[in-house]
């Protein structure tokens, strides 16, 4: 996959387009997709997301207890 929609931030980090992120998530296993989607949406690191325990998330507000 070419990174045609990508750009570089001022900090020198590669920023993927929405289409590139969707393509990436479609290509990986379902569980990994959930972890990475959660990490991306929360702005957290993958190492933080994999340590989440589902029962510690408040279902009504979707906040970590």
PDB file of N, CA and C in Angstrom:
ATOM      1  N   UNK A   1       0.849  -1.185   0.000  1.00  0.00           N
ATOM      2  CA  UNK A   1       0.000   0.000   0.000  1.00  0.00           C
ATOM      3  C   UNK A   1       0.889   1.241   0.000  1.00  0.00           C
ATOM      4  N   UNK A   2       0.649   2.104  -0.912  1.00  0.00           N
ATOM      5  CA  UNK A   2       1.380   3.362  -0.967  1.00  0.00           C
ATOM      6  C   UNK A   2       0.796   4.331   0.047  1.00  0.00           C
ATOM      7  N   UNK A   3       1.634   5.164   0.591  1.00  0.00           N
ATOM      8  CA  UNK A   3       1.192   6.144   1.580  1.00  0.00           C
ATOM      9  C   UNK A   3       0.902   7.471   0.894  1.00  0.00           C
ATOM     10  N   UNK A   4      -0.042   7.446  -0.041  1.00  0.00           N
ATOM     11  CA  UNK A   4      -0.322   8.627  -0.846  1.00  0.00           C
ATOM     12  C   UNK A   4      -1.012   9.743  -0.076  1.00  0.00           C
ATOM     13  N   UNK A   5      -1.835   9.399   0.934  1.00  0.00           N
ATOM     14  CA  UNK A   5      -2.553  10.416   1.677  1.00  0.00           C
ATOM     15  C   UNK A   5      -1.850  10.826   2.951  1.00  0.00           C
ATOM     16  N   UNK A   6      -0.671  10.275   3.189  1.00  0.00           N
ATOM     17  CA  UNK A   6       0.065  10.551   4.417  1.00  0.00           C
ATOM     18  C   UNK A   6       0.708  11.926   4.390  1.00  0.00           C
ATOM     19  N   UNK A   7       1.018  12.418   5.566  1.00  0.00           N
ATOM     20  CA  UNK A   7       1.738  13.677   5.667  1.00  0.00           C
ATOM     21  C   UNK A   7       2.635  13.617   6.898  1.00  0.00           C
ATOM     22  N   UNK A   8       3.507  14.563   6.995  1.00  0.00           N
ATOM     23  CA  UNK A   8       4.426  14.619   8.141  1.00  0.00           C
ATOM     24  C   UNK A   8       4.029  15.780   9.043  1.00  0.00           C
ATOM     25  N   UNK A   9       4.034  15.525  10.358  1.00  0.00           N
ATOM     26  CA  UNK A   9       3.713  16.585  11.307  1.00  0.00           C
ATOM     27  C   UNK A   9       4.932  17.471  11.502  1.00  0.00           C
ATOM     28  N   UNK A  10       4.737  18.577  12.204  1.00  0.00           N
ATOM     29  CA  UNK A  10       5.851  19.476  12.495  1.00  0.00           C
ATOM     30  C   UNK A  10       6.896  18.790  13.370  1.00  0.00           C
ATOM     31  N   UNK A  11       6.458  17.796  14.156  1.00  0.00           N
ATOM     32  CA  UNK A  11       7.381  17.059  15.022  1.00  0.00           C
ATOM     33  C   UNK A  11       8.115  15.970  14.246  1.00  0.00           C
ATOM     34  N   UNK A  12       7.838  15.843  12.949  1.00  0.00           N
ATOM     35  CA  UNK A  12       8.520  14.858  12.134  1.00  0.00           C
ATOM     36  C   UNK A  12       7.924  13.466  12.210  1.00  0.00           C
ATOM     37  N   UNK A  13       6.668  13.372  12.665  1.00  0.00           N
ATOM     38  CA  UNK A  13       6.011  12.074  12.758  1.00  0.00           C
ATOM     39  C   UNK A  13       5.090  11.882  11.561  1.00  0.00           C
ATOM     40  N   UNK A  14       5.061  10.650  11.041  1.00  0.00           N
ATOM     41  CA  UNK A  14       4.200  10.333   9.913  1.00  0.00           C
ATOM     42  C   UNK A  14       2.757  10.286  10.367  1.00  0.00           C
ATOM     43  N   UNK A  15       1.873  10.980   9.662  1.00  0.00           N
ATOM     44  CA  UNK A  15       0.442  10.985   9.978  1.00  0.00           C
ATOM     45  C   UNK A  15      -0.287  10.309   8.834  1.00  0.00           C
ATOM     46  N   UNK A  16      -1.014   9.228   9.145  1.00  0.00           N
ATOM     47  CA  UNK A  16      -1.747   8.485   8.125  1.00  0.00           C
ATOM     48  C   UNK A  16      -3.097   9.122   7.847  1.00  0.00           C
ATOM     49  N   UNK A  17      -3.572   8.945   6.632  1.00  0.00           N
ATOM     50  CA  UNK A  17      -4.900   9.429   6.270  1.00  0.00           C
ATOM     51  C   UNK A  17      -5.947   8.483   6.851  1.00  0.00           C
ATOM     52  N   UNK A  18      -7.197   8.914   6.885  1.00  0.00           N
ATOM     53  CA  UNK A  18      -8.296   8.079   7.379  1.00  0.00           C
ATOM     54  C   UNK A  18      -8.369   6.791   6.564  1.00  0.00           C
ATOM     55  N   UNK A  19      -8.235   6.896   5.251  1.00  0.00           N
ATOM     56  CA  UNK A  19      -8.305   5.726   4.382  1.00  0.00           C
ATOM     57  C   UNK A  19      -7.185   4.740   4.695  1.00  0.00           C
ATOM     58  N   UNK A  20      -5.979   5.234   4.964  1.00  0.00           N
ATOM     59  CA  UNK A  20      -4.855   4.360   5.297  1.00  0.00           C
ATOM     60  C   UNK A  20      -5.066   3.654   6.628  1.00  0.00           C
ATOM     61  N   UNK A  21      -5.632   4.361   7.598  1.00  0.00           N
ATOM     62  CA  UNK A  21      -5.917   3.753   8.904  1.00  0.00           C
ATOM     63  C   UNK A  21      -6.979   2.672   8.739  1.00  0.00           C
ATOM     64  N   UNK A  22      -8.041   2.958   7.983  1.00  0.00           N
ATOM     65  CA  UNK A  22      -9.090   1.959   7.750  1.00  0.00           C
ATOM     66  C   UNK A  22      -8.539   0.732   7.045  1.00  0.00           C
ATOM     67  N   UNK A  23      -7.689   0.922   6.053  1.00  0.00           N
ATOM     68  CA  UNK A  23      -7.076  -0.193   5.329  1.00  0.00           C
ATOM     69  C   UNK A  23      -6.225  -1.036   6.274  1.00  0.00           C
ATOM     70  N   UNK A  24      -5.459  -0.393   7.124  1.00  0.00           N
ATOM     71  CA  UNK A  24      -4.617  -1.096   8.084  1.00  0.00           C
ATOM     72  C   UNK A  24      -5.465  -1.918   9.053  1.00  0.00           C
ATOM     73  N   UNK A  25      -6.512  -1.319   9.611  1.00  0.00           N
ATOM     74  CA  UNK A  25      -7.367  -2.032  10.564  1.00  0.00           C
ATOM     75  C   UNK A  25      -8.117  -3.186   9.903  1.00  0.00           C
ATOM     76  N   UNK A  26      -8.472  -3.048   8.631  1.00  0.00           N
ATOM     77  CA  UNK A  26      -9.133  -4.138   7.909  1.00  0.00           C
ATOM     78  C   UNK A  26      -8.189  -5.321   7.694  1.00  0.00           C
ATOM     79  N   UNK A  27      -6.892  -5.055   7.676  1.00  0.00           N
ATOM     80  CA  UNK A  27      -5.918  -6.096   7.358  1.00  0.00           C
ATOM     81  C   UNK A  27      -5.450  -6.902   8.572  1.00  0.00           C
ATOM     82  N   UNK A  28      -5.819  -6.504   9.772  1.00  0.00           N
ATOM     83  CA  UNK A  28      -5.334  -7.202  10.965  1.00  0.00           C
ATOM     84  C   UNK A  28      -6.462  -7.965  11.649  1.00  0.00           C
ATOM     85  N   UNK A  29      -6.103  -8.830  12.574  1.00  0.00           N
ATOM     86  CA  UNK A  29      -7.075  -9.655  13.296  1.00  0.00           C
ATOM     87  C   UNK A  29      -8.046  -8.784  14.091  1.00  0.00           C
ATOM     88  N   UNK A  30      -9.240  -9.322  14.357  1.00  0.00           N
ATOM     89  CA  UNK A  30     -10.298  -8.569  15.034  1.00  0.00           C
ATOM     90  C   UNK A  30      -9.866  -8.063  16.402  1.00  0.00           C
ATOM     91  N   UNK A  31      -9.232  -8.898  17.219  1.00  0.00           N
ATOM     92  CA  UNK A  31      -8.837  -8.464  18.561  1.00  0.00           C
ATOM     93  C   UNK A  31      -7.799  -7.338  18.481  1.00  0.00           C
ATOM     94  N   UNK A  32      -6.836  -7.488  17.614  1.00  0.00           N
ATOM     95  CA  UNK A  32      -5.821  -6.443  17.454  1.00  0.00           C
ATOM     96  C   UNK A  32      -6.463  -5.155  16.955  1.00  0.00           C
ATOM     97  N   UNK A  33      -7.469  -5.297  16.100  1.00  0.00           N
ATOM     98  CA  UNK A  33      -8.169  -4.121  15.593  1.00  0.00           C
ATOM     99  C   UNK A  33      -8.861  -3.360  16.717  1.00  0.00           C
ATOM    100  N   UNK A  34      -9.489  -4.082  17.638  1.00  0.00           N
ATOM    101  CA  UNK A  34     -10.168  -3.446  18.773  1.00  0.00           C
ATOM    102  C   UNK A  34      -9.154  -2.715  19.646  1.00  0.00           C
ATOM    103  N   UNK A  35      -8.042  -3.351  19.940  1.00  0.00           N
ATOM    104  CA  UNK A  35      -7.005  -2.737  20.782  1.00  0.00           C
ATOM    105  C   UNK A  35      -6.450  -1.487  20.110  1.00  0.00           C
ATOM    106  N   UNK A  36      -6.113  -1.584  18.831  1.00  0.00           N
ATOM    107  CA  UNK A  36      -5.529  -0.431  18.142  1.00  0.00           C
ATOM    108  C   UNK A  36      -6.540   0.688  17.932  1.00  0.00           C
ATOM    109  N   UNK A  37      -7.798   0.350  17.660  1.00  0.00           N
ATOM    110  CA  UNK A  37      -8.836   1.375  17.525  1.00  0.00           C
ATOM    111  C   UNK A  37      -9.029   2.108  18.848  1.00  0.00           C
ATOM    112  N   UNK A  38      -9.049   1.359  19.944  1.00  0.00           N
ATOM    113  CA  UNK A  38      -9.179   1.961  21.278  1.00  0.00           C
ATOM    114  C   UNK A  38      -7.995   2.873  21.570  1.00  0.00           C
ATOM    115  N   UNK A  39      -6.801   2.395  21.297  1.00  0.00           N
ATOM    116  CA  UNK A  39      -5.597   3.191  21.551  1.00  0.00           C
ATOM    117  C   UNK A  39      -5.612   4.467  20.714  1.00  0.00           C
ATOM    118  N   UNK A  40      -5.969   4.347  19.454  1.00  0.00           N
ATOM    119  CA  UNK A  40      -6.001   5.510  18.561  1.00  0.00           C
ATOM    120  C   UNK A  40      -7.046   6.527  19.019  1.00  0.00           C
ATOM    121  N   UNK A  41      -8.241   6.041  19.338  1.00  0.00           N
ATOM    122  CA  UNK A  41      -9.325   6.931  19.753  1.00  0.00           C
ATOM    123  C   UNK A  41      -9.029   7.630  21.075  1.00  0.00           C
ATOM    124  N   UNK A  42      -8.343   6.938  21.965  1.00  0.00           N
ATOM    125  CA  UNK A  42      -8.041   7.503  23.280  1.00  0.00           C
ATOM    126  C   UNK A  42      -6.732   8.285  23.286  1.00  0.00           C
ATOM    127  N   UNK A  43      -5.993   8.203  22.197  1.00  0.00           N
ATOM    128  CA  UNK A  43      -4.701   8.884  22.144  1.00  0.00           C
ATOM    129  C   UNK A  43      -3.668   8.226  23.037  1.00  0.00           C
ATOM    130  N   UNK A  44      -3.864   6.937  23.302  1.00  0.00           N
ATOM    131  CA  UNK A  44      -2.933   6.235  24.194  1.00  0.00           C
ATOM    132  C   UNK A  44      -1.944   5.398  23.399  1.00  0.00           C
ATOM    133  N   UNK A  45      -0.947   4.919  24.077  1.00  0.00           N
ATOM    134  CA  UNK A  45       0.047   4.036  23.475  1.00  0.00           C
ATOM    135  C   UNK A  45      -0.526   2.625  23.421  1.00  0.00           C
ATOM    136  N   UNK A  46      -0.014   1.817  22.501  1.00  0.00           N
ATOM    137  CA  UNK A  46      -0.458   0.430  22.392  1.00  0.00           C
ATOM    138  C   UNK A  46      -0.194  -0.303  23.696  1.00  0.00           C
ATOM    139  N   UNK A  47       0.933  -0.039  24.344  1.00  0.00           N
ATOM    140  CA  UNK A  47       1.257  -0.710  25.607  1.00  0.00           C
ATOM    141  C   UNK A  47       0.229  -0.400  26.688  1.00  0.00           C
ATOM    142  N   UNK A  48      -0.352   0.801  26.664  1.00  0.00           N
ATOM    143  CA  UNK A  48      -1.404   1.153  27.614  1.00  0.00           C
ATOM    144  C   UNK A  48      -2.712   0.460  27.262  1.00  0.00           C
ATOM    145  N   UNK A  49      -3.026   0.390  25.971  1.00  0.00           N
ATOM    146  CA  UNK A  49      -4.289  -0.204  25.528  1.00  0.00           C
ATOM    147  C   UNK A  49      -4.337  -1.701  25.801  1.00  0.00           C
ATOM    148  N   UNK A  50      -3.218  -2.415  25.632  1.00  0.00           N
ATOM    149  CA  UNK A  50      -3.239  -3.863  25.844  1.00  0.00           C
ATOM    150  C   UNK A  50      -3.355  -4.217  27.323  1.00  0.00           C
ATOM    151  N   UNK A  51      -3.103  -3.267  28.199  1.00  0.00           N
ATOM    152  CA  UNK A  51      -3.225  -3.521  29.634  1.00  0.00           C
ATOM    153  C   UNK A  51      -4.629  -3.208  30.166  1.00  0.00           C
ATOM    154  N   UNK A  52      -5.511  -2.682  29.326  1.00  0.00           N
ATOM    155  CA  UNK A  52      -6.873  -2.391  29.757  1.00  0.00           C
ATOM    156  C   UNK A  52      -7.617  -3.682  30.098  1.00  0.00           C
ATOM    157  N   UNK A  53      -8.431  -3.617  31.110  1.00  0.00           N
ATOM    158  CA  UNK A  53      -9.283  -4.735  31.487  1.00  0.00           C
ATOM    159  C   UNK A  53     -10.709  -4.301  31.186  1.00  0.00           C
ATOM    160  N   UNK A  54     -11.399  -5.100  30.364  1.00  0.00           N
ATOM    161  CA  UNK A  54     -12.733  -4.720  29.897  1.00  0.00           C
ATOM    162  C   UNK A  54     -13.662  -4.415  31.064  1.00  0.00           C
ATOM    163  N   UNK A  55     -13.586  -5.186  32.138  1.00  0.00           N
ATOM    164  CA  UNK A  55     -14.482  -4.971  33.279  1.00  0.00           C
ATOM    165  C   UNK A  55     -14.203  -3.657  34.012  1.00  0.00           C
ATOM    166  N   UNK A  56     -13.066  -3.017  33.734  1.00  0.00           N
ATOM    167  CA  UNK A  56     -12.758  -1.755  34.409  1.00  0.00           C
ATOM    168  C   UNK A  56     -13.256  -0.541  33.629  1.00  0.00           C
ATOM    169  N   UNK A  57     -13.970  -0.770  32.537  1.00  0.00           N
ATOM    170  CA  UNK A  57     -14.518   0.327  31.742  1.00  0.00           C
ATOM    171  C   UNK A  57     -15.993   0.505  32.093  1.00  0.00           C
ATOM    172  N   UNK A  58     -16.350   1.702  32.478  1.00  0.00           N
ATOM    173  CA  UNK A  58     -17.735   2.029  32.823  1.00  0.00           C
ATOM    174  C   UNK A  58     -18.570   1.991  31.539  1.00  0.00           C
ATOM    175  N   UNK A  59     -19.564   1.110  31.482  1.00  0.00           N
ATOM    176  CA  UNK A  59     -20.333   0.908  30.259  1.00  0.00           C
ATOM    177  C   UNK A  59     -21.171   2.093  29.847  1.00  0.00           C
ATOM    178  N   UNK A  60     -21.701   2.862  30.794  1.00  0.00           N
ATOM    179  CA  UNK A  60     -22.563   3.995  30.425  1.00  0.00           C
ATOM    180  C   UNK A  60     -21.769   5.160  29.876  1.00  0.00           C
ATOM    181  N   UNK A  61     -20.579   5.407  30.397  1.00  0.00           N
ATOM    182  CA  UNK A  61     -19.785   6.548  29.965  1.00  0.00           C
ATOM    183  C   UNK A  61     -18.548   6.152  29.171  1.00  0.00           C
ATOM    184  N   UNK A  62     -18.230   4.874  29.140  1.00  0.00           N
ATOM    185  CA  UNK A  62     -17.038   4.348  28.472  1.00  0.00           C
ATOM    186  C   UNK A  62     -15.755   4.996  28.983  1.00  0.00           C
ATOM    187  N   UNK A  63     -15.726   5.250  30.281  1.00  0.00           N
ATOM    188  CA  UNK A  63     -14.525   5.791  30.913  1.00  0.00           C
ATOM    189  C   UNK A  63     -13.892   4.710  31.770  1.00  0.00           C
ATOM    190  N   UNK A  64     -12.577   4.783  31.875  1.00  0.00           N
ATOM    191  CA  UNK A  64     -11.832   3.823  32.689  1.00  0.00           C
ATOM    192  C   UNK A  64     -12.017   4.150  34.155  1.00  0.00           C
ATOM    193  N   UNK A  65     -12.329   3.103  34.965  1.00  0.00           N
ATOM    194  CA  UNK A  65     -12.505   3.301  36.420  1.00  0.00           C
ATOM    195  C   UNK A  65     -11.188   3.228  37.119  1.00  0.00           C
TER     196      UNK A  65
END
